[in-house]
Amino acid sequence: MPDITVRVGQQNAVKVTSTSTGGSSGTLASLTDTDTSAAENGSVLVYDANTNQWVATNTLTPGNTRNLDVNGGTF
């Protein structure tokens, strides 16, 4: 893999002034495909293909199936 050198400028300055889009802030609970009704400290969002929603939960593998594969990608 070749070495890549990037130069953004000679001065220390803010390069990105804002990353917000849409003009207003929102919450996860306001999203139509997200169920946060069971959210508590330590909850994560897990996608439920049966309901097509992201669900806040502390249990990553529901039911009797206790397997979870986490793929962090290839670097």
Protein backbone atom coordinates (compact mmCIF):
# COMPACT_ATOMS: atom_id res chain seq x y z
CA MET A 1 0.00 0.00 0.00
CA PRO A 2 1.48 3.39 -0.92
CA ASP A 3 2.21 6.07 1.67
CA ILE A 4 -0.34 8.88 1.47
CA THR A 5 0.48 12.37 2.66
CA VAL A 6 -2.32 14.88 3.21
CA ARG A 7 -1.88 18.57 3.86
CA VAL A 8 -4.93 20.64 4.79
CA GLY A 9 -3.29 24.01 5.31
CA GLN A 10 -0.57 25.82 7.17
CA GLN A 11 -2.62 27.32 10.00
CA ASN A 12 -4.43 25.75 12.93
CA ALA A 13 -8.04 26.57 12.17
CA VAL A 14 -11.49 25.01 12.35
CA LYS A 15 -12.01 23.21 9.06
CA VAL A 16 -15.58 22.04 9.72
CA THR A 17 -17.81 24.63 11.31
CA SER A 18 -20.95 22.50 11.63
CA THR A 19 -21.97 18.91 11.02
CA SER A 20 -25.66 19.37 11.79
CA THR A 21 -28.16 18.94 8.96
CA GLY A 22 -31.86 19.64 8.84
CA GLY A 23 -31.75 22.74 11.00
CA SER A 24 -33.14 21.22 14.20
CA SER A 25 -32.11 18.71 16.80
CA GLY A 26 -34.02 15.55 17.62
CA THR A 27 -33.97 12.49 19.81
CA LEU A 28 -33.72 8.77 19.16
CA ALA A 29 -37.20 8.36 20.66
CA SER A 30 -38.63 10.62 17.95
CA LEU A 31 -37.47 8.32 15.14
CA THR A 32 -40.27 6.19 13.69
CA ASP A 33 -38.12 3.04 13.42
CA THR A 34 -36.72 3.19 16.95
CA ASP A 35 -38.33 1.84 20.15
CA THR A 36 -36.69 3.33 23.23
CA SER A 37 -39.51 2.48 25.67
CA ALA A 38 -37.31 -0.05 27.54
CA ALA A 39 -34.18 2.14 27.58
CA GLU A 40 -32.18 2.23 30.80
CA ASN A 41 -28.55 2.81 31.76
CA GLY A 42 -26.30 0.58 29.67
CA SER A 43 -28.85 -0.06 26.91
CA VAL A 44 -27.78 -0.50 23.30
CA LEU A 45 -29.85 -0.37 20.12
CA VAL A 46 -30.37 -3.76 18.46
CA TYR A 47 -32.20 -4.20 15.16
CA ASP A 48 -35.26 -6.47 15.25
CA ALA A 49 -35.99 -7.76 11.74
CA ASN A 50 -39.44 -9.00 12.85
CA THR A 51 -40.63 -5.48 13.66
CA ASN A 52 -38.22 -3.56 11.39
CA GLN A 53 -37.24 -1.40 14.33
CA TRP A 54 -34.20 -0.60 16.43
CA VAL A 55 -34.96 -1.63 20.01
CA ALA A 56 -33.20 -0.42 23.18
CA THR A 57 -32.12 -3.46 25.19
CA ASN A 58 -29.57 -4.78 27.65
CA THR A 59 -29.89 -8.32 26.22
CA LEU A 60 -28.00 -8.82 22.97
CA THR A 61 -29.10 -12.41 22.35
CA PRO A 62 -32.74 -12.93 23.39
CA GLY A 63 -34.28 -16.31 24.18
CA ASN A 64 -32.27 -19.51 24.51
CA THR A 65 -29.87 -18.65 21.68
CA ARG A 66 -26.77 -17.27 23.36
CA ASN A 67 -24.48 -16.69 20.40
CA LEU A 68 -23.30 -13.32 19.21
CA ASP A 69 -20.81 -12.65 16.44
CA VAL A 70 -19.23 -9.22 16.40
CA ASN A 71 -17.43 -8.40 13.17
CA GLY A 72 -15.20 -5.38 13.58
CA GLY A 73 -14.19 -5.37 9.91
CA THR A 74 -10.85 -5.74 8.21
CA PHE A 75 -8.08 -3.20 8.72
